[in-house]
Amino acid sequence: MGQKERVSNKEHLLSYDEIIAIAPNLSQQLNEESAFEFSKQLYEFTNLIFEQYQDEKEKSNIK
């Protein structure tokens, strides 16, 4: 999955209010403008972890 494809999945991004509801202490570090970038990076990081999990699962099924 290319970076452009990952970034275009905006429906998976969290809003500022959703982020603060999950982690209230982030309200001191984030504002509504920076929340988008944070959410995008969080989504990309989560996606990388999921891809690695799938790769590891596939490798274990091959053995």
PDB file of N, CA and C in Angstrom:
ATOM      1  N   MET A   1       0.846  -1.179   0.000  1.00  0.00           N
ATOM      2  CA  MET A   1       0.000   0.000   0.000  1.00  0.00           C
ATOM      3  C   MET A   1       0.888   1.236   0.000  1.00  0.00           C
ATOM      4  N   GLY A   2       0.698   2.108  -0.988  1.00  0.00           N
ATOM      5  CA  GLY A   2       1.528   3.291  -1.109  1.00  0.00           C
ATOM      6  C   GLY A   2       1.133   4.371  -0.124  1.00  0.00           C
ATOM      7  N   GLN A   3       2.061   5.309   0.096  1.00  0.00           N
ATOM      8  CA  GLN A   3       1.804   6.374   1.053  1.00  0.00           C
ATOM      9  C   GLN A   3       0.604   7.216   0.634  1.00  0.00           C
ATOM     10  N   LYS A   4       0.464   7.512  -0.656  1.00  0.00           N
ATOM     11  CA  LYS A   4      -0.675   8.302  -1.112  1.00  0.00           C
ATOM     12  C   LYS A   4      -1.987   7.595  -0.799  1.00  0.00           C
ATOM     13  N   GLU A   5      -2.002   6.276  -0.967  1.00  0.00           N
ATOM     14  CA  GLU A   5      -3.209   5.509  -0.673  1.00  0.00           C
ATOM     15  C   GLU A   5      -3.521   5.555   0.812  1.00  0.00           C
ATOM     16  N   ARG A   6      -2.501   5.449   1.650  1.00  0.00           N
ATOM     17  CA  ARG A   6      -2.707   5.481   3.095  1.00  0.00           C
ATOM     18  C   ARG A   6      -3.249   6.834   3.544  1.00  0.00           C
ATOM     19  N   VAL A   7      -2.684   7.899   3.020  1.00  0.00           N
ATOM     20  CA  VAL A   7      -3.104   9.230   3.413  1.00  0.00           C
ATOM     21  C   VAL A   7      -4.521   9.521   2.934  1.00  0.00           C
ATOM     22  N   SER A   8      -4.922   8.933   1.825  1.00  0.00           N
ATOM     23  CA  SER A   8      -6.244   9.222   1.283  1.00  0.00           C
ATOM     24  C   SER A   8      -7.365   8.524   2.047  1.00  0.00           C
ATOM     25  N   ASN A   9      -7.049   7.683   2.999  1.00  0.00           N
ATOM     26  CA  ASN A   9      -8.062   7.007   3.799  1.00  0.00           C
ATOM     27  C   ASN A   9      -8.519   7.895   4.955  1.00  0.00           C
ATOM     28  N   LYS A  10      -9.015   9.070   4.638  1.00  0.00           N
ATOM     29  CA  LYS A  10      -9.379  10.052   5.655  1.00  0.00           C
ATOM     30  C   LYS A  10     -10.507   9.592   6.561  1.00  0.00           C
ATOM     31  N   GLU A  11     -11.325   8.659   6.099  1.00  0.00           N
ATOM     32  CA  GLU A  11     -12.415   8.190   6.944  1.00  0.00           C
ATOM     33  C   GLU A  11     -11.904   7.451   8.180  1.00  0.00           C
ATOM     34  N   HIS A  12     -10.634   7.056   8.164  1.00  0.00           N
ATOM     35  CA  HIS A  12     -10.048   6.358   9.304  1.00  0.00           C
ATOM     36  C   HIS A  12      -9.363   7.313  10.280  1.00  0.00           C
ATOM     37  N   LEU A  13      -9.283   8.582   9.945  1.00  0.00           N
ATOM     38  CA  LEU A  13      -8.606   9.537  10.807  1.00  0.00           C
ATOM     39  C   LEU A  13      -9.542  10.005  11.911  1.00  0.00           C
ATOM     40  N   LEU A  14      -8.954  10.325  13.059  1.00  0.00           N
ATOM     41  CA  LEU A  14      -9.722  10.803  14.195  1.00  0.00           C
ATOM     42  C   LEU A  14      -9.762  12.319  14.214  1.00  0.00           C
ATOM     43  N   SER A  15     -10.866  12.854  14.683  1.00  0.00           N
ATOM     44  CA  SER A  15     -10.969  14.305  14.853  1.00  0.00           C
ATOM     45  C   SER A  15     -10.288  14.700  16.169  1.00  0.00           C
ATOM     46  N   TYR A  16     -10.092  15.996  16.354  1.00  0.00           N
ATOM     47  CA  TYR A  16      -9.506  16.500  17.591  1.00  0.00           C
ATOM     48  C   TYR A  16     -10.333  16.031  18.786  1.00  0.00           C
ATOM     49  N   ASP A  17     -11.651  16.161  18.697  1.00  0.00           N
ATOM     50  CA  ASP A  17     -12.525  15.780  19.812  1.00  0.00           C
ATOM     51  C   ASP A  17     -12.426  14.290  20.128  1.00  0.00           C
ATOM     52  N   GLU A  18     -12.315  13.457  19.087  1.00  0.00           N
ATOM     53  CA  GLU A  18     -12.174  12.014  19.305  1.00  0.00           C
ATOM     54  C   GLU A  18     -10.840  11.685  19.969  1.00  0.00           C
ATOM     55  N   ILE A  19      -9.787  12.349  19.554  1.00  0.00           N
ATOM     56  CA  ILE A  19      -8.464  12.124  20.153  1.00  0.00           C
ATOM     57  C   ILE A  19      -8.486  12.509  21.623  1.00  0.00           C
ATOM     58  N   ILE A  20      -9.044  13.673  21.933  1.00  0.00           N
ATOM     59  CA  ILE A  20      -9.082  14.155  23.315  1.00  0.00           C
ATOM     60  C   ILE A  20      -9.984  13.273  24.172  1.00  0.00           C
ATOM     61  N   ALA A  21     -11.055  12.741  23.591  1.00  0.00           N
ATOM     62  CA  ALA A  21     -11.927  11.831  24.344  1.00  0.00           C
ATOM     63  C   ALA A  21     -11.176  10.561  24.738  1.00  0.00           C
ATOM     64  N   ILE A  22     -10.296  10.091  23.863  1.00  0.00           N
ATOM     65  CA  ILE A  22      -9.517   8.879  24.127  1.00  0.00           C
ATOM     66  C   ILE A  22      -8.356   9.171  25.080  1.00  0.00           C
ATOM     67  N   ALA A  23      -7.672  10.276  24.853  1.00  0.00           N
ATOM     68  CA  ALA A  23      -6.486  10.627  25.643  1.00  0.00           C
ATOM     69  C   ALA A  23      -6.557  12.102  26.041  1.00  0.00           C
ATOM     70  N   PRO A  24      -7.283  12.410  27.118  1.00  0.00           N
ATOM     71  CA  PRO A  24      -7.487  13.815  27.514  1.00  0.00           C
ATOM     72  C   PRO A  24      -6.202  14.607  27.757  1.00  0.00           C
ATOM     73  N   ASN A  25      -5.133  13.945  28.209  1.00  0.00           N
ATOM     74  CA  ASN A  25      -3.892  14.677  28.471  1.00  0.00           C
ATOM     75  C   ASN A  25      -3.246  15.221  27.202  1.00  0.00           C
ATOM     76  N   LEU A  26      -3.650  14.738  26.025  1.00  0.00           N
ATOM     77  CA  LEU A  26      -3.105  15.276  24.775  1.00  0.00           C
ATOM     78  C   LEU A  26      -3.641  16.661  24.451  1.00  0.00           C
ATOM     79  N   SER A  27      -4.659  17.108  25.172  1.00  0.00           N
ATOM     80  CA  SER A  27      -5.208  18.441  24.912  1.00  0.00           C
ATOM     81  C   SER A  27      -4.163  19.528  25.182  1.00  0.00           C
ATOM     82  N   GLN A  28      -3.164  19.220  26.000  1.00  0.00           N
ATOM     83  CA  GLN A  28      -2.098  20.180  26.279  1.00  0.00           C
ATOM     84  C   GLN A  28      -1.069  20.233  25.153  1.00  0.00           C
ATOM     85  N   GLN A  29      -0.962  19.167  24.356  1.00  0.00           N
ATOM     86  CA  GLN A  29       0.022  19.108  23.282  1.00  0.00           C
ATOM     87  C   GLN A  29      -0.581  19.377  21.904  1.00  0.00           C
ATOM     88  N   LEU A  30      -1.867  19.118  21.737  1.00  0.00           N
ATOM     89  CA  LEU A  30      -2.494  19.243  20.425  1.00  0.00           C
ATOM     90  C   LEU A  30      -3.469  20.406  20.382  1.00  0.00           C
ATOM     91  N   ASN A  31      -3.627  20.937  19.186  1.00  0.00           N
ATOM     92  CA  ASN A  31      -4.729  21.848  18.922  1.00  0.00           C
ATOM     93  C   ASN A  31      -5.476  21.271  17.722  1.00  0.00           C
ATOM     94  N   GLU A  32      -6.536  21.907  17.314  1.00  0.00           N
ATOM     95  CA  GLU A  32      -7.339  21.336  16.231  1.00  0.00           C
ATOM     96  C   GLU A  32      -6.564  21.224  14.926  1.00  0.00           C
ATOM     97  N   GLU A  33      -5.617  22.129  14.683  1.00  0.00           N
ATOM     98  CA  GLU A  33      -4.824  22.070  13.453  1.00  0.00           C
ATOM     99  C   GLU A  33      -3.816  20.915  13.491  1.00  0.00           C
ATOM    100  N   SER A  34      -3.146  20.738  14.619  1.00  0.00           N
ATOM    101  CA  SER A  34      -2.136  19.686  14.710  1.00  0.00           C
ATOM    102  C   SER A  34      -2.760  18.303  14.907  1.00  0.00           C
ATOM    103  N   ALA A  35      -4.011  18.243  15.305  1.00  0.00           N
ATOM    104  CA  ALA A  35      -4.675  16.957  15.514  1.00  0.00           C
ATOM    105  C   ALA A  35      -4.781  16.162  14.219  1.00  0.00           C
ATOM    106  N   PHE A  36      -4.977  16.843  13.100  1.00  0.00           N
ATOM    107  CA  PHE A  36      -5.062  16.140  11.818  1.00  0.00           C
ATOM    108  C   PHE A  36      -3.751  15.428  11.511  1.00  0.00           C
ATOM    109  N   GLU A  37      -2.641  16.120  11.646  1.00  0.00           N
ATOM    110  CA  GLU A  37      -1.332  15.516  11.372  1.00  0.00           C
ATOM    111  C   GLU A  37      -1.056  14.371  12.350  1.00  0.00           C
ATOM    112  N   PHE A  38      -1.388  14.566  13.612  1.00  0.00           N
ATOM    113  CA  PHE A  38      -1.206  13.516  14.611  1.00  0.00           C
ATOM    114  C   PHE A  38      -2.036  12.288  14.248  1.00  0.00           C
ATOM    115  N   SER A  39      -3.278  12.505  13.887  1.00  0.00           N
ATOM    116  CA  SER A  39      -4.166  11.402  13.528  1.00  0.00           C
ATOM    117  C   SER A  39      -3.660  10.668  12.290  1.00  0.00           C
ATOM    118  N   LYS A  40      -3.164  11.428  11.318  1.00  0.00           N
ATOM    119  CA  LYS A  40      -2.623  10.823  10.099  1.00  0.00           C
ATOM    120  C   LYS A  40      -1.418   9.945  10.430  1.00  0.00           C
ATOM    121  N   GLN A  41      -0.525  10.446  11.268  1.00  0.00           N
ATOM    122  CA  GLN A  41       0.658   9.677  11.652  1.00  0.00           C
ATOM    123  C   GLN A  41       0.274   8.453  12.474  1.00  0.00           C
ATOM    124  N   LEU A  42      -0.709   8.601  13.342  1.00  0.00           N
ATOM    125  CA  LEU A  42      -1.183   7.475  14.145  1.00  0.00           C
ATOM    126  C   LEU A  42      -1.778   6.396  13.249  1.00  0.00           C
ATOM    127  N   TYR A  43      -2.551   6.799  12.259  1.00  0.00           N
ATOM    128  CA  TYR A  43      -3.131   5.844  11.314  1.00  0.00           C
ATOM    129  C   TYR A  43      -2.030   5.122  10.534  1.00  0.00           C
ATOM    130  N   GLU A  44      -1.052   5.861  10.041  1.00  0.00           N
ATOM    131  CA  GLU A  44       0.035   5.255   9.270  1.00  0.00           C
ATOM    132  C   GLU A  44       0.843   4.291  10.129  1.00  0.00           C
ATOM    133  N   PHE A  45       1.098   4.665  11.382  1.00  0.00           N
ATOM    134  CA  PHE A  45       1.834   3.799  12.295  1.00  0.00           C
ATOM    135  C   PHE A  45       1.049   2.517  12.565  1.00  0.00           C
ATOM    136  N   THR A  46      -0.239   2.656  12.823  1.00  0.00           N
ATOM    137  CA  THR A  46      -1.092   1.503  13.067  1.00  0.00           C
ATOM    138  C   THR A  46      -1.142   0.600  11.844  1.00  0.00           C
ATOM    139  N   ASN A  47      -1.211   1.209  10.682  1.00  0.00           N
ATOM    140  CA  ASN A  47      -1.236   0.437   9.441  1.00  0.00           C
ATOM    141  C   ASN A  47       0.069  -0.329   9.240  1.00  0.00           C
ATOM    142  N   LEU A  48       1.200   0.279   9.549  1.00  0.00           N
ATOM    143  CA  LEU A  48       2.493  -0.413   9.439  1.00  0.00           C
ATOM    144  C   LEU A  48       2.555  -1.618  10.376  1.00  0.00           C
ATOM    145  N   ILE A  49       2.060  -1.435  11.587  1.00  0.00           N
ATOM    146  CA  ILE A  49       2.048  -2.539  12.549  1.00  0.00           C
ATOM    147  C   ILE A  49       1.165  -3.668  12.032  1.00  0.00           C
ATOM    148  N   PHE A  50       0.007  -3.319  11.491  1.00  0.00           N
ATOM    149  CA  PHE A  50      -0.904  -4.330  10.961  1.00  0.00           C
ATOM    150  C   PHE A  50      -0.277  -5.072   9.783  1.00  0.00           C
ATOM    151  N   GLU A  51       0.387  -4.344   8.896  1.00  0.00           N
ATOM    152  CA  GLU A  51       1.062  -4.987   7.762  1.00  0.00           C
ATOM    153  C   GLU A  51       2.155  -5.930   8.241  1.00  0.00           C
ATOM    154  N   GLN A  52       2.903  -5.525   9.259  1.00  0.00           N
ATOM    155  CA  GLN A  52       3.954  -6.383   9.805  1.00  0.00           C
ATOM    156  C   GLN A  52       3.327  -7.631  10.430  1.00  0.00           C
ATOM    157  N   TYR A  53       2.224  -7.456  11.140  1.00  0.00           N
ATOM    158  CA  TYR A  53       1.517  -8.589  11.723  1.00  0.00           C
ATOM    159  C   TYR A  53       1.079  -9.571  10.632  1.00  0.00           C
ATOM    160  N   GLN A  54       0.521  -9.037   9.549  1.00  0.00           N
ATOM    161  CA  GLN A  54       0.079  -9.893   8.450  1.00  0.00           C
ATOM    162  C   GLN A  54       1.258 -10.641   7.829  1.00  0.00           C
ATOM    163  N   ASP A  55       2.380  -9.951   7.656  1.00  0.00           N
ATOM    164  CA  ASP A  55       3.585 -10.595   7.099  1.00  0.00           C
ATOM    165  C   ASP A  55       4.059 -11.725   8.006  1.00  0.00           C
ATOM    166  N   GLU A  56       4.099 -11.460   9.317  1.00  0.00           N
ATOM    167  CA  GLU A  56       4.541 -12.480  10.269  1.00  0.00           C
ATOM    168  C   GLU A  56       3.573 -13.659  10.285  1.00  0.00           C
ATOM    169  N   LYS A  57       2.303 -13.379  10.208  1.00  0.00           N
ATOM    170  CA  LYS A  57       1.290 -14.434  10.191  1.00  0.00           C
ATOM    171  C   LYS A  57       1.442 -15.281   8.929  1.00  0.00           C
ATOM    172  N   GLU A  58       1.680 -14.614   7.805  1.00  0.00           N
ATOM    173  CA  GLU A  58       1.878 -15.321   6.543  1.00  0.00           C
ATOM    174  C   GLU A  58       3.123 -16.192   6.597  1.00  0.00           C
ATOM    175  N   LYS A  59       4.211 -15.668   7.167  1.00  0.00           N
ATOM    176  CA  LYS A  59       5.443 -16.445   7.282  1.00  0.00           C
ATOM    177  C   LYS A  59       5.231 -17.676   8.153  1.00  0.00           C
ATOM    178  N   SER A  60       4.479 -17.528   9.236  1.00  0.00           N
ATOM    179  CA  SER A  60       4.256 -18.671  10.118  1.00  0.00           C
ATOM    180  C   SER A  60       3.348 -19.709   9.473  1.00  0.00           C
ATOM    181  N   ASN A  61       2.476 -19.299   8.567  1.00  0.00           N
ATOM    182  CA  ASN A  61       1.614 -20.241   7.866  1.00  0.00           C
ATOM    183  C   ASN A  61       2.364 -20.992   6.779  1.00  0.00           C
ATOM    184  N   ILE A  62       3.441 -20.402   6.267  1.00  0.00           N
ATOM    185  CA  ILE A  62       4.245 -21.037   5.220  1.00  0.00           C
ATOM    186  C   ILE A  62       5.086 -22.163   5.798  1.00  0.00           C
ATOM    187  N   LYS A  63       5.562 -21.998   7.020  1.00  0.00           N
ATOM    188  CA  LYS A  63       6.457 -22.997   7.643  1.00  0.00           C
ATOM    189  C   LYS A  63       5.761 -24.294   7.901  1.00  0.00           C
TER     190      LYS A  63
END
